[in-house]
Protein backbone atom coordinates (compact mmCIF):
# COMPACT_ATOMS: atom_id res chain seq x y z
CA UNK A 1 -16.22 -17.56 -13.55
CA UNK A 2 -12.54 -15.91 -13.96
CA UNK A 3 -10.88 -15.42 -16.95
CA UNK A 4 -7.41 -17.13 -16.57
CA UNK A 5 -6.47 -16.62 -19.89
CA UNK A 6 -5.66 -12.48 -19.82
CA UNK A 7 -3.74 -10.97 -16.90
CA UNK A 8 -1.19 -9.00 -15.72
CA UNK A 9 1.19 -8.66 -12.58
CA UNK A 10 0.85 -6.02 -10.18
CA UNK A 11 1.88 -5.77 -6.30
CA UNK A 12 0.33 -5.28 -3.51
CA UNK A 13 1.70 -3.78 -0.42
CA UNK A 14 0.33 -3.90 3.51
CA UNK A 15 0.67 -1.17 6.31
CA UNK A 16 -0.56 0.18 9.47
CA UNK A 17 -1.27 3.69 10.62
CA UNK A 18 -2.29 4.46 14.12
CA UNK A 19 -5.43 6.33 13.14
CA UNK A 20 -7.93 7.45 10.41
CA UNK A 21 -6.21 10.86 9.74
CA UNK A 22 -2.81 9.64 9.37
CA UNK A 23 -4.09 6.87 7.23
CA UNK A 24 -5.53 9.31 4.70
CA UNK A 25 -2.52 11.63 5.17
CA UNK A 26 -0.22 9.16 4.02
CA UNK A 27 -2.85 7.30 1.64
CA UNK A 28 -2.85 11.04 -0.56
CA UNK A 29 0.46 11.81 -0.09
CA UNK A 30 1.30 8.55 -1.60
CA UNK A 31 -1.48 9.19 -4.50
CA UNK A 32 0.06 12.73 -4.72
CA UNK A 33 3.73 11.75 -5.39
CA UNK A 34 2.14 9.04 -8.08
CA UNK A 35 3.38 6.11 -6.57
CA UNK A 36 0.08 4.02 -6.01
CA UNK A 37 -2.91 3.93 -7.47
CA UNK A 38 -5.50 2.70 -5.16
CA UNK A 39 -5.18 2.91 -1.28
CA UNK A 40 -7.98 0.83 0.41
CA UNK A 41 -8.23 1.67 4.42
CA UNK A 42 -9.91 -0.50 6.65
CA UNK A 43 -10.35 -0.28 10.75
CA UNK A 44 -8.67 -3.40 12.48
CA UNK A 45 -7.55 -4.63 16.08
CA UNK A 46 -3.70 -5.60 15.94
CA UNK A 47 -2.50 -8.05 18.71
CA UNK A 48 0.86 -8.20 18.65
CA UNK A 49 4.88 -8.18 20.40
CA UNK A 50 6.42 -5.12 20.78
CA UNK A 51 9.80 -4.64 23.19
CA UNK A 52 9.48 -7.50 25.17
CA UNK A 53 5.19 -6.76 25.75
CA UNK A 54 2.22 -8.03 24.82
CA UNK A 55 0.20 -4.95 22.87
CA UNK A 56 -3.31 -4.95 21.43
CA UNK A 57 -4.33 -1.63 19.27
CA UNK A 58 -6.99 -0.25 16.98
CA UNK A 59 -5.23 0.94 14.02
CA UNK A 60 -5.76 1.21 10.38
CA UNK A 61 -5.01 -1.33 7.49
CA UNK A 62 -3.60 0.26 4.53
CA UNK A 63 -3.69 -2.34 1.23
CA UNK A 64 -1.96 -0.22 -1.40
CA UNK A 65 -1.90 -1.66 -5.25
CA UNK A 66 1.13 0.04 -6.83
CA UNK A 67 3.66 -1.38 -9.50
CA UNK A 68 6.86 -3.74 -9.35
CA UNK A 69 8.65 -0.03 -10.96
CA UNK A 70 7.65 1.73 -7.96
CA UNK A 71 8.14 -0.15 -5.58
CA UNK A 72 11.85 0.69 -3.89
CA UNK A 73 10.21 4.47 -4.14
CA UNK A 74 6.91 3.62 -2.22
CA UNK A 75 9.26 1.77 -0.06
CA UNK A 76 11.64 4.92 0.59
CA UNK A 77 8.27 7.19 1.02
CA UNK A 78 6.81 4.76 3.62
CA UNK A 79 9.70 4.66 5.71
CA UNK A 80 10.17 8.53 5.13
CA UNK A 81 6.43 9.33 5.88
CA UNK A 82 4.87 6.71 8.15
CA UNK A 83 4.57 7.82 11.89
CA UNK A 84 5.53 4.19 13.09
CA UNK A 85 8.97 3.34 14.13
CA UNK A 86 9.26 0.41 12.28
CA UNK A 87 6.32 0.24 9.95
CA UNK A 88 4.75 -2.68 8.72
CA UNK A 89 6.15 -3.50 5.17
CA UNK A 90 4.61 -6.86 3.70
CA UNK A 91 4.31 -7.02 -0.33
CA UNK A 92 3.89 -9.96 -2.55
CA UNK A 93 2.84 -9.93 -6.44
CA UNK A 94 -0.61 -10.51 -7.24
CA UNK A 95 -2.79 -11.31 -10.94
CA UNK A 96 -5.29 -8.67 -12.05
CA UNK A 97 -7.60 -8.46 -14.87
CA UNK A 98 -5.14 -6.78 -18.12
CA UNK A 99 -7.60 -3.45 -17.96
CA UNK A 100 -6.87 -3.76 -13.95
CA UNK A 101 -2.82 -3.82 -13.98
CA UNK A 102 -3.22 -1.58 -17.15
CA UNK A 103 -4.94 1.36 -15.02
CA UNK A 104 -2.80 0.63 -12.07
CA UNK A 105 0.67 1.20 -14.52
CA UNK A 106 -1.07 4.32 -15.82
CA UNK A 107 -2.19 5.76 -12.55
CA UNK A 108 1.76 5.89 -11.34
CA UNK A 109 3.22 6.48 -14.62
CA UNK A 110 5.20 9.52 -13.75
CA UNK A 111 3.59 12.98 -15.61
CA UNK A 112 5.81 14.85 -18.10
CA UNK A 113 6.55 18.48 -16.97
């Protein structure tokens, strides 16, 4: 049974990288900058059109958990750090339990000092 009486909002972001090494490097840098609370990595096969050609590639998908407050800084960091010319940038609000949303908020809170 889902507890709908106690929930908060966070933001999920989806992007891909060319391989595991790049995906792990990107995830670690975003975590080090405290822009994200968690990054889940998954191997995928993508089919897409690029510059007029049909393409297929093995990639690593990153599902990123962050707060609304960090979204713009995260977007800038992805543009700066990503290996792709046009990185995937898809985001949406998600409802989470209060304890999980509080953990996300604390994880991305800037450290004083």
